[in-house]
């Protein structure tokens, strides 16, 4: 069954709604955050199924490293974004933030220091 993605006009929350093609024309989806029916349908990312072997082959291709300048954070960030996309899964907000900071030209040492500071303040739940 297809999943349709909407953005609420009231609170800007994104809501996923699973419905059949038959239901789509008469459905009245509501925001899961504020229960508003003022939603705009947005186009979601399209996923293409690939085997794990296909993804690993793509990741191990040496041509992926051509053009990567390890001394340029933007170049490293672009490479990491490509590798993350090749994984075929969401890598999480931390990955997106780190890659975004690299793509903006921030020094890896600065990002690493921030991550170290965050982990020092974390408490072990066990």
PDB file of N, CA and C in Angstrom:
ATOM      1  N   UNK A   1       0.850  -1.169   0.000  1.00  0.00           N
ATOM      2  CA  UNK A   1       0.000   0.000   0.000  1.00  0.00           C
ATOM      3  C   UNK A   1       0.902   1.240   0.000  1.00  0.00           C
ATOM      4  N   UNK A   2       0.612   2.213  -0.843  1.00  0.00           N
ATOM      5  CA  UNK A   2       1.452   3.416  -0.922  1.00  0.00           C
ATOM      6  C   UNK A   2       1.406   4.265   0.345  1.00  0.00           C
ATOM      7  N   UNK A   3       2.504   4.970   0.568  1.00  0.00           N
ATOM      8  CA  UNK A   3       2.589   5.924   1.669  1.00  0.00           C
ATOM      9  C   UNK A   3       2.695   7.307   1.046  1.00  0.00           C
ATOM     10  N   UNK A   4       1.823   8.212   1.478  1.00  0.00           N
ATOM     11  CA  UNK A   4       1.814   9.579   0.982  1.00  0.00           C
ATOM     12  C   UNK A   4       2.322  10.493   2.088  1.00  0.00           C
ATOM     13  N   UNK A   5       3.128  11.472   1.704  1.00  0.00           N
ATOM     14  CA  UNK A   5       3.709  12.379   2.682  1.00  0.00           C
ATOM     15  C   UNK A   5       3.049  13.751   2.548  1.00  0.00           C
ATOM     16  N   UNK A   6       2.713  14.329   3.693  1.00  0.00           N
ATOM     17  CA  UNK A   6       2.070  15.634   3.737  1.00  0.00           C
ATOM     18  C   UNK A   6       2.828  16.540   4.698  1.00  0.00           C
ATOM     19  N   UNK A   7       2.716  17.844   4.448  1.00  0.00           N
ATOM     20  CA  UNK A   7       3.262  18.841   5.362  1.00  0.00           C
ATOM     21  C   UNK A   7       2.104  19.693   5.849  1.00  0.00           C
ATOM     22  N   UNK A   8       2.002  19.842   7.156  1.00  0.00           N
ATOM     23  CA  UNK A   8       0.916  20.596   7.763  1.00  0.00           C
ATOM     24  C   UNK A   8       1.128  22.095   7.537  1.00  0.00           C
ATOM     25  N   UNK A   9       0.080  22.791   7.110  1.00  0.00           N
ATOM     26  CA  UNK A   9       0.145  24.234   6.907  1.00  0.00           C
ATOM     27  C   UNK A   9       0.098  24.985   8.234  1.00  0.00           C
ATOM     28  N   UNK A  10      -0.358  24.330   9.276  1.00  0.00           N
ATOM     29  CA  UNK A  10      -0.493  24.976  10.581  1.00  0.00           C
ATOM     30  C   UNK A  10       0.801  24.881  11.391  1.00  0.00           C
ATOM     31  N   UNK A  11       1.337  23.660  11.538  1.00  0.00           N
ATOM     32  CA  UNK A  11       2.506  23.469  12.411  1.00  0.00           C
ATOM     33  C   UNK A  11       3.771  23.038  11.669  1.00  0.00           C
ATOM     34  N   UNK A  12       3.694  22.857  10.359  1.00  0.00           N
ATOM     35  CA  UNK A  12       4.821  22.476   9.497  1.00  0.00           C
ATOM     36  C   UNK A  12       5.332  21.056   9.768  1.00  0.00           C
ATOM     37  N   UNK A  13       4.591  20.270  10.529  1.00  0.00           N
ATOM     38  CA  UNK A  13       4.969  18.879  10.805  1.00  0.00           C
ATOM     39  C   UNK A  13       4.735  18.029   9.555  1.00  0.00           C
ATOM     40  N   UNK A  14       5.632  17.066   9.335  1.00  0.00           N
ATOM     41  CA  UNK A  14       5.450  16.135   8.215  1.00  0.00           C
ATOM     42  C   UNK A  14       4.732  14.896   8.710  1.00  0.00           C
ATOM     43  N   UNK A  15       3.758  14.462   7.938  1.00  0.00           N
ATOM     44  CA  UNK A  15       2.935  13.331   8.299  1.00  0.00           C
ATOM     45  C   UNK A  15       2.914  12.328   7.156  1.00  0.00           C
ATOM     46  N   UNK A  16       3.111  11.069   7.460  1.00  0.00           N
ATOM     47  CA  UNK A  16       3.009  10.001   6.466  1.00  0.00           C
ATOM     48  C   UNK A  16       1.659   9.322   6.628  1.00  0.00           C
ATOM     49  N   UNK A  17       0.967   9.119   5.506  1.00  0.00           N
ATOM     50  CA  UNK A  17      -0.343   8.472   5.535  1.00  0.00           C
ATOM     51  C   UNK A  17      -0.310   7.293   4.572  1.00  0.00           C
ATOM     52  N   UNK A  18      -0.648   6.137   5.073  1.00  0.00           N
ATOM     53  CA  UNK A  18      -0.710   4.924   4.249  1.00  0.00           C
ATOM     54  C   UNK A  18      -2.161   4.732   3.821  1.00  0.00           C
ATOM     55  N   UNK A  19      -2.371   4.701   2.509  1.00  0.00           N
ATOM     56  CA  UNK A  19      -3.718   4.478   1.982  1.00  0.00           C
ATOM     57  C   UNK A  19      -3.628   3.895   0.588  1.00  0.00           C
ATOM     58  N   UNK A  20      -4.681   3.221   0.185  1.00  0.00           N
ATOM     59  CA  UNK A  20      -4.714   2.628  -1.150  1.00  0.00           C
ATOM     60  C   UNK A  20      -4.980   3.709  -2.193  1.00  0.00           C
ATOM     61  N   UNK A  21      -4.744   3.361  -3.444  1.00  0.00           N
ATOM     62  CA  UNK A  21      -5.025   4.303  -4.528  1.00  0.00           C
ATOM     63  C   UNK A  21      -6.508   4.663  -4.546  1.00  0.00           C
ATOM     64  N   UNK A  22      -7.342   3.700  -4.227  1.00  0.00           N
ATOM     65  CA  UNK A  22      -8.791   3.911  -4.218  1.00  0.00           C
ATOM     66  C   UNK A  22      -9.194   4.924  -3.133  1.00  0.00           C
ATOM     67  N   UNK A  23      -8.544   4.847  -1.976  1.00  0.00           N
ATOM     68  CA  UNK A  23      -8.843   5.752  -0.861  1.00  0.00           C
ATOM     69  C   UNK A  23      -8.342   7.169  -1.100  1.00  0.00           C
ATOM     70  N   UNK A  24      -7.297   7.314  -1.920  1.00  0.00           N
ATOM     71  CA  UNK A  24      -6.631   8.610  -2.082  1.00  0.00           C
ATOM     72  C   UNK A  24      -7.581   9.736  -2.472  1.00  0.00           C
ATOM     73  N   UNK A  25      -8.504   9.489  -3.409  1.00  0.00           N
ATOM     74  CA  UNK A  25      -9.400  10.544  -3.894  1.00  0.00           C
ATOM     75  C   UNK A  25     -10.402  11.022  -2.849  1.00  0.00           C
ATOM     76  N   UNK A  26     -10.716  10.188  -1.879  1.00  0.00           N
ATOM     77  CA  UNK A  26     -11.732  10.603  -0.898  1.00  0.00           C
ATOM     78  C   UNK A  26     -11.191  10.718   0.527  1.00  0.00           C
ATOM     79  N   UNK A  27      -9.921  10.513   0.689  1.00  0.00           N
ATOM     80  CA  UNK A  27      -9.313  10.573   2.023  1.00  0.00           C
ATOM     81  C   UNK A  27      -9.228  12.014   2.518  1.00  0.00           C
ATOM     82  N   UNK A  28      -9.294  12.155   3.832  1.00  0.00           N
ATOM     83  CA  UNK A  28      -9.139  13.452   4.477  1.00  0.00           C
ATOM     84  C   UNK A  28      -8.062  13.294   5.555  1.00  0.00           C
ATOM     85  N   UNK A  29      -6.794  13.240   5.123  1.00  0.00           N
ATOM     86  CA  UNK A  29      -5.729  13.007   6.099  1.00  0.00           C
ATOM     87  C   UNK A  29      -5.601  14.157   7.088  1.00  0.00           C
ATOM     88  N   UNK A  30      -5.126  13.844   8.272  1.00  0.00           N
ATOM     89  CA  UNK A  30      -4.960  14.843   9.323  1.00  0.00           C
ATOM     90  C   UNK A  30      -3.530  14.800   9.839  1.00  0.00           C
ATOM     91  N   UNK A  31      -3.062  15.932  10.314  1.00  0.00           N
ATOM     92  CA  UNK A  31      -1.727  16.038  10.884  1.00  0.00           C
ATOM     93  C   UNK A  31      -1.659  15.217  12.167  1.00  0.00           C
ATOM     94  N   UNK A  32      -0.623  14.413  12.291  1.00  0.00           N
ATOM     95  CA  UNK A  32      -0.475  13.595  13.498  1.00  0.00           C
ATOM     96  C   UNK A  32       0.027  14.415  14.682  1.00  0.00           C
ATOM     97  N   UNK A  33       0.454  15.647  14.411  1.00  0.00           N
ATOM     98  CA  UNK A  33       0.954  16.505  15.478  1.00  0.00           C
ATOM     99  C   UNK A  33      -0.146  17.391  16.066  1.00  0.00           C
ATOM    100  N   UNK A  34      -0.896  18.096  15.185  1.00  0.00           N
ATOM    101  CA  UNK A  34      -1.897  19.059  15.675  1.00  0.00           C
ATOM    102  C   UNK A  34      -3.326  18.723  15.242  1.00  0.00           C
ATOM    103  N   UNK A  35      -3.495  17.640  14.502  1.00  0.00           N
ATOM    104  CA  UNK A  35      -4.801  17.157  14.041  1.00  0.00           C
ATOM    105  C   UNK A  35      -5.467  18.069  13.004  1.00  0.00           C
ATOM    106  N   UNK A  36      -4.722  18.985  12.420  1.00  0.00           N
ATOM    107  CA  UNK A  36      -5.261  19.858  11.387  1.00  0.00           C
ATOM    108  C   UNK A  36      -5.475  19.068  10.096  1.00  0.00           C
ATOM    109  N   UNK A  37      -6.469  19.471   9.328  1.00  0.00           N
ATOM    110  CA  UNK A  37      -6.677  18.853   8.017  1.00  0.00           C
ATOM    111  C   UNK A  37      -6.105  19.728   6.904  1.00  0.00           C
ATOM    112  N   UNK A  38      -5.413  20.800   7.270  1.00  0.00           N
ATOM    113  CA  UNK A  38      -4.784  21.699   6.287  1.00  0.00           C
ATOM    114  C   UNK A  38      -3.404  21.168   5.929  1.00  0.00           C
ATOM    115  N   UNK A  39      -3.388  20.189   5.044  1.00  0.00           N
ATOM    116  CA  UNK A  39      -2.146  19.537   4.665  1.00  0.00           C
ATOM    117  C   UNK A  39      -1.864  19.738   3.183  1.00  0.00           C
ATOM    118  N   UNK A  40      -0.589  19.880   2.867  1.00  0.00           N
ATOM    119  CA  UNK A  40      -0.138  19.927   1.481  1.00  0.00           C
ATOM    120  C   UNK A  40       0.618  18.639   1.201  1.00  0.00           C
ATOM    121  N   UNK A  41       0.272  18.008   0.101  1.00  0.00           N
ATOM    122  CA  UNK A  41       0.991  16.790  -0.278  1.00  0.00           C
ATOM    123  C   UNK A  41       2.357  17.189  -0.799  1.00  0.00           C
ATOM    124  N   UNK A  42       3.382  16.483  -0.341  1.00  0.00           N
ATOM    125  CA  UNK A  42       4.735  16.743  -0.821  1.00  0.00           C
ATOM    126  C   UNK A  42       5.268  15.482  -1.481  1.00  0.00           C
ATOM    127  N   UNK A  43       6.200  15.678  -2.359  1.00  0.00           N
ATOM    128  CA  UNK A  43       6.796  14.552  -3.061  1.00  0.00           C
ATOM    129  C   UNK A  43       7.914  13.979  -2.193  1.00  0.00           C
ATOM    130  N   UNK A  44       7.795  12.721  -1.884  1.00  0.00           N
ATOM    131  CA  UNK A  44       8.772  12.038  -1.037  1.00  0.00           C
ATOM    132  C   UNK A  44       9.929  11.526  -1.867  1.00  0.00           C
ATOM    133  N   UNK A  45      10.989  11.164  -1.175  1.00  0.00           N
ATOM    134  CA  UNK A  45      12.108  10.514  -1.841  1.00  0.00           C
ATOM    135  C   UNK A  45      11.638   9.180  -2.398  1.00  0.00           C
ATOM    136  N   UNK A  46      12.203   8.802  -3.507  1.00  0.00           N
ATOM    137  CA  UNK A  46      11.896   7.516  -4.102  1.00  0.00           C
ATOM    138  C   UNK A  46      13.025   6.561  -3.757  1.00  0.00           C
ATOM    139  N   UNK A  47      12.660   5.396  -3.332  1.00  0.00           N
ATOM    140  CA  UNK A  47      13.672   4.396  -2.994  1.00  0.00           C
ATOM    141  C   UNK A  47      13.706   3.330  -4.090  1.00  0.00           C
ATOM    142  N   UNK A  48      14.911   2.960  -4.438  1.00  0.00           N
ATOM    143  CA  UNK A  48      15.104   1.902  -5.417  1.00  0.00           C
ATOM    144  C   UNK A  48      15.752   0.742  -4.691  1.00  0.00           C
ATOM    145  N   UNK A  49      15.137  -0.412  -4.806  1.00  0.00           N
ATOM    146  CA  UNK A  49      15.684  -1.598  -4.144  1.00  0.00           C
ATOM    147  C   UNK A  49      16.932  -2.067  -4.859  1.00  0.00           C
ATOM    148  N   UNK A  50      17.968  -2.262  -4.075  1.00  0.00           N
ATOM    149  CA  UNK A  50      19.210  -2.805  -4.593  1.00  0.00           C
ATOM    150  C   UNK A  50      19.664  -3.877  -3.635  1.00  0.00           C
ATOM    151  N   UNK A  51      20.338  -4.853  -4.181  1.00  0.00           N
ATOM    152  CA  UNK A  51      20.864  -5.907  -3.316  1.00  0.00           C
ATOM    153  C   UNK A  51      22.029  -5.351  -2.501  1.00  0.00           C
ATOM    154  N   UNK A  52      22.304  -6.004  -1.411  1.00  0.00           N
ATOM    155  CA  UNK A  52      23.438  -5.590  -0.593  1.00  0.00           C
ATOM    156  C   UNK A  52      24.733  -5.722  -1.379  1.00  0.00           C
ATOM    157  N   UNK A  53      24.845  -6.768  -2.189  1.00  0.00           N
ATOM    158  CA  UNK A  53      26.041  -6.953  -3.010  1.00  0.00           C
ATOM    159  C   UNK A  53      26.224  -5.784  -3.980  1.00  0.00           C
ATOM    160  N   UNK A  54      25.132  -5.333  -4.570  1.00  0.00           N
ATOM    161  CA  UNK A  54      25.197  -4.208  -5.512  1.00  0.00           C
ATOM    162  C   UNK A  54      25.666  -2.937  -4.803  1.00  0.00           C
ATOM    163  N   UNK A  55      25.140  -2.680  -3.605  1.00  0.00           N
ATOM    164  CA  UNK A  55      25.554  -1.498  -2.843  1.00  0.00           C
ATOM    165  C   UNK A  55      27.028  -1.584  -2.457  1.00  0.00           C
ATOM    166  N   UNK A  56      27.466  -2.760  -1.990  1.00  0.00           N
ATOM    167  CA  UNK A  56      28.861  -2.937  -1.589  1.00  0.00           C
ATOM    168  C   UNK A  56      29.805  -2.804  -2.780  1.00  0.00           C
ATOM    169  N   UNK A  57      29.401  -3.334  -3.932  1.00  0.00           N
ATOM    170  CA  UNK A  57      30.210  -3.167  -5.143  1.00  0.00           C
ATOM    171  C   UNK A  57      30.367  -1.700  -5.481  1.00  0.00           C
ATOM    172  N   UNK A  58      29.283  -0.969  -5.383  1.00  0.00           N
ATOM    173  CA  UNK A  58      29.320   0.457  -5.687  1.00  0.00           C
ATOM    174  C   UNK A  58      30.218   1.203  -4.709  1.00  0.00           C
ATOM    175  N   UNK A  59      30.129   0.857  -3.426  1.00  0.00           N
ATOM    176  CA  UNK A  59      30.941   1.522  -2.405  1.00  0.00           C
ATOM    177  C   UNK A  59      32.429   1.212  -2.544  1.00  0.00           C
ATOM    178  N   UNK A  60      32.753   0.027  -3.027  1.00  0.00           N
ATOM    179  CA  UNK A  60      34.161  -0.360  -3.116  1.00  0.00           C
ATOM    180  C   UNK A  60      34.816   0.074  -4.421  1.00  0.00           C
ATOM    181  N   UNK A  61      34.074   0.711  -5.309  1.00  0.00           N
ATOM    182  CA  UNK A  61      34.612   1.175  -6.584  1.00  0.00           C
ATOM    183  C   UNK A  61      35.648   2.277  -6.344  1.00  0.00           C
ATOM    184  N   UNK A  62      36.916   2.069  -6.744  1.00  0.00           N
ATOM    185  CA  UNK A  62      37.964   3.072  -6.507  1.00  0.00           C
ATOM    186  C   UNK A  62      37.696   4.414  -7.172  1.00  0.00           C
ATOM    187  N   UNK A  63      36.882   4.427  -8.212  1.00  0.00           N
ATOM    188  CA  UNK A  63      36.592   5.703  -8.884  1.00  0.00           C
ATOM    189  C   UNK A  63      35.822   6.658  -7.972  1.00  0.00           C
ATOM    190  N   UNK A  64      35.218   6.131  -6.906  1.00  0.00           N
ATOM    191  CA  UNK A  64      34.518   6.993  -5.950  1.00  0.00           C
ATOM    192  C   UNK A  64      35.468   7.956  -5.244  1.00  0.00           C
ATOM    193  N   UNK A  65      36.734   7.573  -5.172  1.00  0.00           N
ATOM    194  CA  UNK A  65      37.716   8.402  -4.471  1.00  0.00           C
ATOM    195  C   UNK A  65      38.353   9.459  -5.370  1.00  0.00           C
ATOM    196  N   UNK A  66      38.127   9.352  -6.672  1.00  0.00           N
ATOM    197  CA  UNK A  66      38.724  10.353  -7.555  1.00  0.00           C
ATOM    198  C   UNK A  66      38.080  11.705  -7.279  1.00  0.00           C
ATOM    199  N   UNK A  67      38.899  12.699  -7.181  1.00  0.00           N
ATOM    200  CA  UNK A  67      38.397  14.049  -6.928  1.00  0.00           C
ATOM    201  C   UNK A  67      38.219  14.381  -5.459  1.00  0.00           C
ATOM    202  N   UNK A  68      38.450  13.423  -4.556  1.00  0.00           N
ATOM    203  CA  UNK A  68      38.322  13.702  -3.128  1.00  0.00           C
ATOM    204  C   UNK A  68      39.637  14.273  -2.628  1.00  0.00           C
ATOM    205  N   UNK A  69      39.574  15.481  -2.099  1.00  0.00           N
ATOM    206  CA  UNK A  69      40.746  16.127  -1.509  1.00  0.00           C
ATOM    207  C   UNK A  69      40.602  16.039  -0.002  1.00  0.00           C
ATOM    208  N   UNK A  70      41.397  15.185   0.621  1.00  0.00           N
ATOM    209  CA  UNK A  70      41.258  14.956   2.062  1.00  0.00           C
ATOM    210  C   UNK A  70      41.558  16.189   2.890  1.00  0.00           C
ATOM    211  N   UNK A  71      42.162  17.212   2.298  1.00  0.00           N
ATOM    212  CA  UNK A  71      42.445  18.457   3.010  1.00  0.00           C
ATOM    213  C   UNK A  71      41.339  19.499   2.847  1.00  0.00           C
ATOM    214  N   UNK A  72      40.311  19.166   2.077  1.00  0.00           N
ATOM    215  CA  UNK A  72      39.191  20.088   1.831  1.00  0.00           C
ATOM    216  C   UNK A  72      37.927  19.513   2.462  1.00  0.00           C
ATOM    217  N   UNK A  73      37.431  20.125   3.559  1.00  0.00           N
ATOM    218  CA  UNK A  73      36.234  19.594   4.222  1.00  0.00           C
ATOM    219  C   UNK A  73      35.033  19.481   3.281  1.00  0.00           C
ATOM    220  N   UNK A  74      34.903  20.412   2.341  1.00  0.00           N
ATOM    221  CA  UNK A  74      33.771  20.367   1.399  1.00  0.00           C
ATOM    222  C   UNK A  74      33.847  19.109   0.530  1.00  0.00           C
ATOM    223  N   UNK A  75      35.048  18.782   0.083  1.00  0.00           N
ATOM    224  CA  UNK A  75      35.247  17.602  -0.742  1.00  0.00           C
ATOM    225  C   UNK A  75      34.948  16.323   0.054  1.00  0.00           C
ATOM    226  N   UNK A  76      35.412  16.284   1.287  1.00  0.00           N
ATOM    227  CA  UNK A  76      35.159  15.129   2.150  1.00  0.00           C
ATOM    228  C   UNK A  76      33.660  15.012   2.447  1.00  0.00           C
ATOM    229  N   UNK A  77      33.012  16.146   2.706  1.00  0.00           N
ATOM    230  CA  UNK A  77      31.577  16.146   2.969  1.00  0.00           C
ATOM    231  C   UNK A  77      30.782  15.647   1.774  1.00  0.00           C
ATOM    232  N   UNK A  78      31.168  16.085   0.585  1.00  0.00           N
ATOM    233  CA  UNK A  78      30.494  15.633  -0.642  1.00  0.00           C
ATOM    234  C   UNK A  78      30.651  14.120  -0.809  1.00  0.00           C
ATOM    235  N   UNK A  79      31.852  13.620  -0.555  1.00  0.00           N
ATOM    236  CA  UNK A  79      32.120  12.189  -0.637  1.00  0.00           C
ATOM    237  C   UNK A  79      31.271  11.416   0.377  1.00  0.00           C
ATOM    238  N   UNK A  80      31.209  11.919   1.610  1.00  0.00           N
ATOM    239  CA  UNK A  80      30.426  11.243   2.651  1.00  0.00           C
ATOM    240  C   UNK A  80      28.938  11.256   2.319  1.00  0.00           C
ATOM    241  N   UNK A  81      28.437  12.351   1.764  1.00  0.00           N
ATOM    242  CA  UNK A  81      27.031  12.426   1.363  1.00  0.00           C
ATOM    243  C   UNK A  81      26.743  11.359   0.306  1.00  0.00           C
ATOM    244  N   UNK A  82      27.651  11.237  -0.676  1.00  0.00           N
ATOM    245  CA  UNK A  82      27.491  10.227  -1.719  1.00  0.00           C
ATOM    246  C   UNK A  82      27.477   8.821  -1.111  1.00  0.00           C
ATOM    247  N   UNK A  83      28.399   8.544  -0.217  1.00  0.00           N
ATOM    248  CA  UNK A  83      28.467   7.221   0.412  1.00  0.00           C
ATOM    249  C   UNK A  83      27.206   6.943   1.239  1.00  0.00           C
ATOM    250  N   UNK A  84      26.731   7.967   1.958  1.00  0.00           N
ATOM    251  CA  UNK A  84      25.506   7.797   2.733  1.00  0.00           C
ATOM    252  C   UNK A  84      24.319   7.482   1.841  1.00  0.00           C
ATOM    253  N   UNK A  85      24.238   8.156   0.691  1.00  0.00           N
ATOM    254  CA  UNK A  85      23.150   7.890  -0.255  1.00  0.00           C
ATOM    255  C   UNK A  85      23.251   6.491  -0.837  1.00  0.00           C
ATOM    256  N   UNK A  86      24.465   6.025  -1.066  1.00  0.00           N
ATOM    257  CA  UNK A  86      24.669   4.683  -1.614  1.00  0.00           C
ATOM    258  C   UNK A  86      24.215   3.597  -0.639  1.00  0.00           C
ATOM    259  N   UNK A  87      24.217   3.898   0.648  1.00  0.00           N
ATOM    260  CA  UNK A  87      23.806   2.903   1.642  1.00  0.00           C
ATOM    261  C   UNK A  87      22.323   2.561   1.500  1.00  0.00           C
ATOM    262  N   UNK A  88      21.548   3.487   0.946  1.00  0.00           N
ATOM    263  CA  UNK A  88      20.128   3.205   0.729  1.00  0.00           C
ATOM    264  C   UNK A  88      19.281   3.287   1.984  1.00  0.00           C
ATOM    265  N   UNK A  89      19.818   3.849   3.042  1.00  0.00           N
ATOM    266  CA  UNK A  89      19.096   3.980   4.304  1.00  0.00           C
ATOM    267  C   UNK A  89      19.306   5.381   4.846  1.00  0.00           C
ATOM    268  N   UNK A  90      18.396   5.811   5.686  1.00  0.00           N
ATOM    269  CA  UNK A  90      18.602   7.072   6.380  1.00  0.00           C
ATOM    270  C   UNK A  90      19.728   6.861   7.384  1.00  0.00           C
ATOM    271  N   UNK A  91      20.685   7.760   7.373  1.00  0.00           N
ATOM    272  CA  UNK A  91      21.836   7.624   8.264  1.00  0.00           C
ATOM    273  C   UNK A  91      21.612   8.343   9.593  1.00  0.00           C
ATOM    274  N   UNK A  92      20.550   9.098   9.711  1.00  0.00           N
ATOM    275  CA  UNK A  92      20.229   9.760  10.969  1.00  0.00           C
ATOM    276  C   UNK A  92      20.623  11.219  10.986  1.00  0.00           C
ATOM    277  N   UNK A  93      20.040  11.979  11.894  1.00  0.00           N
ATOM    278  CA  UNK A  93      20.280  13.420  11.937  1.00  0.00           C
ATOM    279  C   UNK A  93      21.716  13.793  12.287  1.00  0.00           C
ATOM    280  N   UNK A  94      22.388  12.968  13.090  1.00  0.00           N
ATOM    281  CA  UNK A  94      23.773  13.274  13.449  1.00  0.00           C
ATOM    282  C   UNK A  94      24.670  13.224  12.215  1.00  0.00           C
ATOM    283  N   UNK A  95      24.455  12.212  11.386  1.00  0.00           N
ATOM    284  CA  UNK A  95      25.231  12.084  10.153  1.00  0.00           C
ATOM    285  C   UNK A  95      24.959  13.281   9.247  1.00  0.00           C
ATOM    286  N   UNK A  96      23.677  13.622   9.076  1.00  0.00           N
ATOM    287  CA  UNK A  96      23.316  14.757   8.227  1.00  0.00           C
ATOM    288  C   UNK A  96      23.933  16.052   8.733  1.00  0.00           C
ATOM    289  N   UNK A  97      23.935  16.245  10.049  1.00  0.00           N
ATOM    290  CA  UNK A  97      24.529  17.461  10.607  1.00  0.00           C
ATOM    291  C   UNK A  97      26.034  17.504  10.353  1.00  0.00           C
ATOM    292  N   UNK A  98      26.706  16.381  10.614  1.00  0.00           N
ATOM    293  CA  UNK A  98      28.150  16.343  10.428  1.00  0.00           C
ATOM    294  C   UNK A  98      28.518  16.585   8.967  1.00  0.00           C
ATOM    295  N   UNK A  99      27.835  15.926   8.042  1.00  0.00           N
ATOM    296  CA  UNK A  99      28.133  16.091   6.622  1.00  0.00           C
ATOM    297  C   UNK A  99      27.805  17.515   6.181  1.00  0.00           C
ATOM    298  N   UNK A 100      26.706  18.060   6.676  1.00  0.00           N
ATOM    299  CA  UNK A 100      26.351  19.444   6.346  1.00  0.00           C
ATOM    300  C   UNK A 100      27.418  20.422   6.801  1.00  0.00           C
ATOM    301  N   UNK A 101      27.961  20.191   7.976  1.00  0.00           N
ATOM    302  CA  UNK A 101      29.028  21.071   8.488  1.00  0.00           C
ATOM    303  C   UNK A 101      30.292  20.944   7.646  1.00  0.00           C
ATOM    304  N   UNK A 102      30.618  19.726   7.212  1.00  0.00           N
ATOM    305  CA  UNK A 102      31.766  19.540   6.332  1.00  0.00           C
ATOM    306  C   UNK A 102      31.526  20.234   4.992  1.00  0.00           C
ATOM    307  N   UNK A 103      30.328  20.046   4.440  1.00  0.00           N
ATOM    308  CA  UNK A 103      30.002  20.663   3.150  1.00  0.00           C
ATOM    309  C   UNK A 103      30.043  22.185   3.224  1.00  0.00           C
ATOM    310  N   UNK A 104      29.812  22.737   4.410  1.00  0.00           N
ATOM    311  CA  UNK A 104      29.882  24.188   4.602  1.00  0.00           C
ATOM    312  C   UNK A 104      31.327  24.652   4.800  1.00  0.00           C
ATOM    313  N   UNK A 105      32.271  23.705   4.874  1.00  0.00           N
ATOM    314  CA  UNK A 105      33.679  24.058   4.972  1.00  0.00           C
ATOM    315  C   UNK A 105      34.240  24.053   6.380  1.00  0.00           C
ATOM    316  N   UNK A 106      33.466  23.578   7.352  1.00  0.00           N
ATOM    317  CA  UNK A 106      33.949  23.558   8.733  1.00  0.00           C
ATOM    318  C   UNK A 106      35.034  22.488   8.897  1.00  0.00           C
ATOM    319  N   UNK A 107      36.021  22.797   9.676  1.00  0.00           N
ATOM    320  CA  UNK A 107      37.150  21.886   9.890  1.00  0.00           C
ATOM    321  C   UNK A 107      36.695  20.630  10.642  1.00  0.00           C
ATOM    322  N   UNK A 108      37.151  19.454  10.199  1.00  0.00           N
ATOM    323  CA  UNK A 108      36.783  18.205  10.880  1.00  0.00           C
ATOM    324  C   UNK A 108      37.156  18.212  12.356  1.00  0.00           C
ATOM    325  N   UNK A 109      38.263  18.869  12.711  1.00  0.00           N
ATOM    326  CA  UNK A 109      38.687  18.922  14.111  1.00  0.00           C
ATOM    327  C   UNK A 109      37.653  19.639  14.978  1.00  0.00           C
ATOM    328  N   UNK A 110      37.041  20.679  14.438  1.00  0.00           N
ATOM    329  CA  UNK A 110      36.011  21.419  15.162  1.00  0.00           C
ATOM    330  C   UNK A 110      34.775  20.551  15.394  1.00  0.00           C
ATOM    331  N   UNK A 111      34.394  19.812  14.374  1.00  0.00           N
ATOM    332  CA  UNK A 111      33.233  18.913  14.485  1.00  0.00           C
ATOM    333  C   UNK A 111      33.536  17.811  15.490  1.00  0.00           C
ATOM    334  N   UNK A 112      34.741  17.248  15.407  1.00  0.00           N
ATOM    335  CA  UNK A 112      35.139  16.192  16.333  1.00  0.00           C
ATOM    336  C   UNK A 112      35.145  16.691  17.778  1.00  0.00           C
ATOM    337  N   UNK A 113      35.590  17.923  17.994  1.00  0.00           N
ATOM    338  CA  UNK A 113      35.605  18.491  19.349  1.00  0.00           C
ATOM    339  C   UNK A 113      34.184  18.628  19.887  1.00  0.00           C
ATOM    340  N   UNK A 114      33.267  19.081  19.036  1.00  0.00           N
ATOM    341  CA  UNK A 114      31.869  19.209  19.461  1.00  0.00           C
ATOM    342  C   UNK A 114      31.282  17.854  19.829  1.00  0.00           C
ATOM    343  N   UNK A 115      31.584  16.839  19.025  1.00  0.00           N
ATOM    344  CA  UNK A 115      31.073  15.493  19.298  1.00  0.00           C
ATOM    345  C   UNK A 115      31.648  14.968  20.605  1.00  0.00           C
ATOM    346  N   UNK A 116      32.936  15.200  20.840  1.00  0.00           N
ATOM    347  CA  UNK A 116      33.571  14.764  22.092  1.00  0.00           C
ATOM    348  C   UNK A 116      32.936  15.447  23.289  1.00  0.00           C
ATOM    349  N   UNK A 117      32.657  16.753  23.160  1.00  0.00           N
ATOM    350  CA  UNK A 117      32.021  17.496  24.256  1.00  0.00           C
ATOM    351  C   UNK A 117      30.632  16.965  24.552  1.00  0.00           C
ATOM    352  N   UNK A 118      29.889  16.586  23.517  1.00  0.00           N
ATOM    353  CA  UNK A 118      28.548  16.036  23.724  1.00  0.00           C
ATOM    354  C   UNK A 118      28.606  14.688  24.425  1.00  0.00           C
ATOM    355  N   UNK A 119      29.558  13.846  24.011  1.00  0.00           N
ATOM    356  CA  UNK A 119      29.628  12.510  24.600  1.00  0.00           C
ATOM    357  C   UNK A 119      30.124  12.556  26.042  1.00  0.00           C
ATOM    358  N   UNK A 120      30.926  13.559  26.396  1.00  0.00           N
ATOM    359  CA  UNK A 120      31.394  13.687  27.778  1.00  0.00           C
ATOM    360  C   UNK A 120      30.240  14.032  28.722  1.00  0.00           C
ATOM    361  N   UNK A 121      29.255  14.771  28.203  1.00  0.00           N
ATOM    362  CA  UNK A 121      28.117  15.170  29.026  1.00  0.00           C
ATOM    363  C   UNK A 121      27.021  14.113  29.083  1.00  0.00           C
ATOM    364  N   UNK A 122      27.148  13.073  28.253  1.00  0.00           N
ATOM    365  CA  UNK A 122      26.116  12.034  28.230  1.00  0.00           C
ATOM    366  C   UNK A 122      26.283  11.116  29.424  1.00  0.00           C
ATOM    367  N   UNK A 123      25.156  10.610  29.914  1.00  0.00           N
ATOM    368  CA  UNK A 123      25.197   9.656  31.017  1.00  0.00           C
ATOM    369  C   UNK A 123      24.863   8.270  30.468  1.00  0.00           C
ATOM    370  N   UNK A 124      25.503   7.272  31.010  1.00  0.00           N
ATOM    371  CA  UNK A 124      25.269   5.898  30.581  1.00  0.00           C
ATOM    372  C   UNK A 124      23.989   5.404  31.226  1.00  0.00           C
ATOM    373  N   UNK A 125      22.983   5.002  30.396  1.00  0.00           N
ATOM    374  CA  UNK A 125      21.710   4.566  30.965  1.00  0.00           C
ATOM    375  C   UNK A 125      21.789   3.234  31.681  1.00  0.00           C
ATOM    376  N   UNK A 126      22.868   2.485  31.497  1.00  0.00           N
ATOM    377  CA  UNK A 126      22.971   1.170  32.143  1.00  0.00           C
ATOM    378  C   UNK A 126      23.547   1.355  33.473  1.00  0.00           C
TER     379      UNK A 126
END
